[in-house]
Protein backbone atom coordinates (compact mmCIF):
# COMPACT_ATOMS: atom_id res chain seq x y z
CA MET A 1 -0.27 -0.31 0.09
CA SER A 2 1.21 3.73 -0.88
CA GLU A 3 1.94 6.37 1.77
CA LYS A 4 -0.06 9.50 0.91
CA ILE A 5 2.20 12.22 -0.36
CA THR A 6 2.74 15.45 1.37
CA TYR A 7 3.81 18.50 0.75
CA GLY A 8 4.59 20.94 3.81
CA PRO A 9 4.38 22.75 5.97
CA LEU A 10 6.97 25.12 4.34
CA ASP A 11 9.76 27.45 7.08
CA PRO A 12 8.37 30.88 6.87
CA GLU A 13 11.56 31.45 4.34
CA THR A 14 10.57 28.78 2.29
CA GLN A 15 6.62 29.73 2.78
CA ALA A 16 7.57 33.31 1.43
CA LEU A 17 10.27 32.36 -1.49
CA PHE A 18 7.50 29.80 -2.97
CA GLU A 19 4.91 32.52 -3.10
CA THR A 20 6.97 34.36 -5.06
CA VAL A 21 7.73 32.02 -7.43
CA LEU A 22 3.75 31.48 -7.99
CA ASN A 23 3.47 34.98 -8.22
CA LEU A 24 5.77 35.27 -10.85
CA ALA A 25 4.30 32.29 -12.84
CA GLN A 26 0.95 33.75 -12.36
CA ARG A 27 2.28 36.79 -14.36
CA TYR A 28 3.92 34.51 -16.98
CA ALA A 29 0.51 33.22 -17.50
CA ASP A 30 -0.84 36.07 -17.86
CA LEU A 31 1.28 37.46 -20.53
CA GLN A 32 -0.04 34.22 -22.92
CA MET A 33 -1.39 35.26 -26.53
CA ASP A 34 -2.87 31.66 -26.56
CA ASP A 35 -5.90 30.73 -24.30
CA GLU A 36 -5.13 26.69 -23.90
CA THR A 37 -1.96 27.26 -22.86
CA TYR A 38 -2.69 30.12 -20.38
CA GLU A 39 -5.12 27.52 -19.38
CA ASP A 40 -3.02 25.08 -18.88
CA LEU A 41 -0.71 26.93 -16.91
CA GLN A 42 -3.69 28.25 -14.90
CA ARG A 43 -4.16 24.74 -13.60
CA ASP A 44 -0.61 24.17 -12.69
CA ILE A 45 -0.62 26.90 -10.96
CA ASP A 46 -3.93 26.21 -8.88
CA GLU A 47 -2.52 22.96 -8.57
CA LEU A 48 0.43 23.53 -7.04
CA ALA A 49 -0.99 26.30 -4.70
CA GLN A 50 -3.76 23.84 -3.44
CA ARG A 51 -1.59 21.25 -2.74
CA PHE A 52 0.69 23.40 -0.44
CA GLU A 53 -2.53 25.31 0.83
CA VAL A 54 -1.23 28.73 -0.05
CA GLU A 55 -4.02 31.40 0.20
CA ARG A 56 -5.23 32.51 -3.04
CA SER A 57 -8.09 35.81 -3.75
CA GLU A 58 -9.75 36.96 -6.41
CA VAL A 59 -8.93 40.58 -7.20
CA GLU A 60 -12.22 42.81 -7.87
CA ILE A 61 -12.01 46.33 -9.76
CA GLU A 62 -14.52 48.98 -9.49
CA ILE A 63 -14.07 52.20 -10.85
CA ASP A 64 -15.96 54.95 -10.09
CA GLU A 65 -16.01 56.72 -13.37
CA THR A 66 -16.88 60.54 -12.20
CA GLU A 67 -13.77 62.29 -11.82
CA GLU A 68 -13.17 64.45 -8.64
CA GLN A 69 -11.82 68.01 -8.71
CA ASP A 70 -8.70 67.67 -9.48
CA GLY A 71 -9.22 65.04 -12.59
CA ASN A 72 -8.46 61.84 -10.51
CA LYS A 73 -11.02 58.58 -10.81
CA ILE A 74 -11.49 56.60 -7.72
CA VAL A 75 -10.68 52.87 -8.01
CA LYS A 76 -11.30 50.74 -5.67
CA ILE A 77 -9.49 47.06 -4.98
CA LYS A 78 -11.11 44.14 -3.41
CA PHE A 79 -9.60 40.50 -2.42
CA LYS A 80 -11.89 38.22 -2.23
CA PRO A 81 -10.40 34.89 -0.91
CA GLN A 82 -12.82 31.96 -2.27
CA ASP A 83 -12.40 29.03 -4.63
CA ARG A 84 -10.76 30.12 -7.50
CA LYS A 85 -12.16 29.04 -11.17
CA THR A 86 -9.80 29.32 -13.88
CA LEU A 87 -10.73 32.28 -16.48
CA THR A 88 -9.61 32.30 -19.75
CA GLN A 89 -7.84 34.19 -21.48
CA ASP A 90 -10.31 36.49 -22.96
CA GLN A 91 -12.44 36.61 -19.71
CA LEU A 92 -9.29 37.90 -18.16
CA ARG A 93 -8.79 40.79 -20.58
CA LYS A 94 -12.16 42.05 -20.14
CA THR A 95 -11.94 42.67 -16.23
CA LEU A 96 -8.71 44.35 -16.91
CA ARG A 97 -8.14 48.27 -17.67
CA VAL A 98 -4.98 50.28 -18.33
CA ILE A 99 -4.34 52.90 -15.44
CA SER A 100 -2.42 56.23 -16.10
CA ASN A 101 -0.79 58.23 -13.69
CA ASP A 102 0.50 59.90 -16.54
CA THR A 103 -0.30 64.13 -16.18
CA GLU A 104 1.62 64.88 -19.27
CA ASP A 105 -0.48 65.47 -22.35
CA ASP A 106 -0.56 63.11 -25.02
CA ASN A 107 1.02 65.18 -27.35
CA GLY A 108 4.78 64.57 -25.39
CA GLU A 109 4.49 68.23 -23.35
């Protein structure tokens, strides 16, 4: 009879390093143009995080379209810990917005 494989717990330094590597892997997965490659990488990242009990969270961004007096918009970022479902690259792109803090005009002045 085979033994059940255990994966942790990791010491705090190793845990922090492991989480950093998972974050880098997530960034790499997010850059994929091909949905199938993205989904394969995302499944692997999710499985590894689950095995080592790394807390994952979904980020929800809410933008208030009205501008403040200084021209800035209010952006609320919410972290929602829950069971994560793998989004396709197209679904992920629809949830992201480019945010610029550039105060110069587009003409380079």
